[in-house]
Amino acid sequence: MRAKLGPVGAVTAAAPTRVRVLYSMIKYQKPLDPTRLGNPSLCRARKENALRRAAKELGYALQPIQPVAVS
């Protein structure tokens, strides 16, 4: 984002997210919960579900790739 907007623009663009987090910490008297900022496993699960729905709509079924042991 910094490359696109410049340093001032990047700070301005990131500010609303930080303010929401700070406001919720103050309002609910709770410490920072990093999982609320973007849990990678939750993000992956959402993407996978969206991909499965799209595949089902097109008549496909997704299956995970089985890892092959390399010796």
C-alpha atoms as a PDB file:
ATOM      1  CA  MET A   1       0.000   0.000   0.000  1.00  0.00           C
ATOM      2  CA  ARG A   2       2.896   2.303   0.736  1.00  0.00           C
ATOM      3  CA  ALA A   3       4.243   1.967  -2.796  1.00  0.00           C
ATOM      4  CA  LYS A   4       0.862   2.873  -4.231  1.00  0.00           C
ATOM      5  CA  LEU A   5      -0.190   5.687  -1.877  1.00  0.00           C
ATOM      6  CA  GLY A   6       3.090   6.914  -0.443  1.00  0.00           C
ATOM      7  CA  PRO A   7       4.010   6.991   3.246  1.00  0.00           C
ATOM      8  CA  VAL A   8       1.377   9.536   4.294  1.00  0.00           C
ATOM      9  CA  GLY A   9      -1.379   7.813   2.342  1.00  0.00           C
ATOM     10  CA  ALA A  10      -0.471   4.411   3.769  1.00  0.00           C
ATOM     11  CA  VAL A  11      -0.702   5.704   7.340  1.00  0.00           C
ATOM     12  CA  THR A  12      -4.024   7.387   6.553  1.00  0.00           C
ATOM     13  CA  ALA A  13      -5.397   4.198   4.981  1.00  0.00           C
ATOM     14  CA  ALA A  14      -4.338   2.017   7.929  1.00  0.00           C
ATOM     15  CA  ALA A  15      -5.621   4.434  10.584  1.00  0.00           C
ATOM     16  CA  PRO A  16      -9.340   3.452  10.576  1.00  0.00           C
ATOM     17  CA  THR A  17      -8.508  -0.185  11.303  1.00  0.00           C
ATOM     18  CA  ARG A  18      -6.280   0.758  14.207  1.00  0.00           C
ATOM     19  CA  VAL A  19      -8.884   3.129  15.574  1.00  0.00           C
ATOM     20  CA  ARG A  20     -11.571   0.419  15.510  1.00  0.00           C
ATOM     21  CA  VAL A  21      -9.288  -1.959  17.405  1.00  0.00           C
ATOM     22  CA  LEU A  22      -8.354   0.702  19.952  1.00  0.00           C
ATOM     23  CA  TYR A  23     -11.971   1.758  20.426  1.00  0.00           C
ATOM     24  CA  SER A  24     -13.110  -1.818  21.084  1.00  0.00           C
ATOM     25  CA  MET A  25     -10.251  -2.331  23.564  1.00  0.00           C
ATOM     26  CA  ILE A  26     -11.293   0.767  25.501  1.00  0.00           C
ATOM     27  CA  LYS A  27     -15.048   0.163  25.248  1.00  0.00           C
ATOM     28  CA  TYR A  28     -14.991  -3.482  26.343  1.00  0.00           C
ATOM     29  CA  GLN A  29     -11.984  -3.173  28.691  1.00  0.00           C
ATOM     30  CA  LYS A  30     -10.230  -6.112  27.031  1.00  0.00           C
ATOM     31  CA  PRO A  31      -6.625  -6.520  25.882  1.00  0.00           C
ATOM     32  CA  LEU A  32      -5.700  -6.762  22.220  1.00  0.00           C
ATOM     33  CA  ASP A  33      -6.785 -10.042  20.649  1.00  0.00           C
ATOM     34  CA  PRO A  34      -4.523 -10.684  17.617  1.00  0.00           C
ATOM     35  CA  THR A  35      -6.951 -13.233  16.182  1.00  0.00           C
ATOM     36  CA  ARG A  36      -9.439 -10.425  15.499  1.00  0.00           C
ATOM     37  CA  LEU A  37      -6.928  -8.724  13.229  1.00  0.00           C
ATOM     38  CA  GLY A  38      -6.860 -11.562  10.741  1.00  0.00           C
ATOM     39  CA  ASN A  39      -6.650 -15.168  11.796  1.00  0.00           C
ATOM     40  CA  PRO A  40      -4.800 -17.008   8.972  1.00  0.00           C
ATOM     41  CA  SER A  41      -6.569 -20.319   9.585  1.00  0.00           C
ATOM     42  CA  LEU A  42      -9.977 -18.632   9.622  1.00  0.00           C
ATOM     43  CA  CYS A  43      -9.124 -16.741   6.436  1.00  0.00           C
ATOM     44  CA  ARG A  44      -8.027 -19.984   4.776  1.00  0.00           C
ATOM     45  CA  ALA A  45     -11.231 -21.747   5.852  1.00  0.00           C
ATOM     46  CA  ARG A  46     -13.374 -18.947   4.412  1.00  0.00           C
ATOM     47  CA  LYS A  47     -11.504 -19.041   1.108  1.00  0.00           C
ATOM     48  CA  GLU A  48     -11.794 -22.820   0.964  1.00  0.00           C
ATOM     49  CA  ASN A  49     -15.539 -22.710   1.628  1.00  0.00           C
ATOM     50  CA  ALA A  50     -16.024 -20.069  -1.052  1.00  0.00           C
ATOM     51  CA  LEU A  51     -14.023 -22.145  -3.521  1.00  0.00           C
ATOM     52  CA  ARG A  52     -16.023 -25.277  -2.665  1.00  0.00           C
ATOM     53  CA  ARG A  53     -19.317 -23.412  -3.193  1.00  0.00           C
ATOM     54  CA  ALA A  54     -18.135 -22.056  -6.543  1.00  0.00           C
ATOM     55  CA  ALA A  55     -16.959 -25.499  -7.657  1.00  0.00           C
ATOM     56  CA  LYS A  56     -20.246 -27.092  -6.579  1.00  0.00           C
ATOM     57  CA  GLU A  57     -22.170 -24.450  -8.514  1.00  0.00           C
ATOM     58  CA  LEU A  58     -20.168 -25.377 -11.624  1.00  0.00           C
ATOM     59  CA  GLY A  59     -20.714 -29.105 -11.061  1.00  0.00           C
ATOM     60  CA  TYR A  60     -17.293 -29.987  -9.644  1.00  0.00           C
ATOM     61  CA  ALA A  61     -16.223 -31.539  -6.351  1.00  0.00           C
ATOM     62  CA  LEU A  62     -12.945 -30.532  -4.733  1.00  0.00           C
ATOM     63  CA  GLN A  63     -10.654 -33.021  -3.062  1.00  0.00           C
ATOM     64  CA  PRO A  64      -7.477 -32.220  -1.113  1.00  0.00           C
ATOM     65  CA  ILE A  65      -4.189 -33.250  -2.688  1.00  0.00           C
ATOM     66  CA  GLN A  66      -2.539 -36.151  -0.905  1.00  0.00           C
ATOM     67  CA  PRO A  67       1.111 -35.375  -0.132  1.00  0.00           C
ATOM     68  CA  VAL A  68       3.577 -37.747  -1.762  1.00  0.00           C
ATOM     69  CA  ALA A  69       6.467 -38.938   0.370  1.00  0.00           C
ATOM     70  CA  VAL A  70       9.812 -38.186  -1.263  1.00  0.00           C
ATOM     71  CA  SER A  71      12.657 -40.486  -0.341  1.00  0.00           C
END
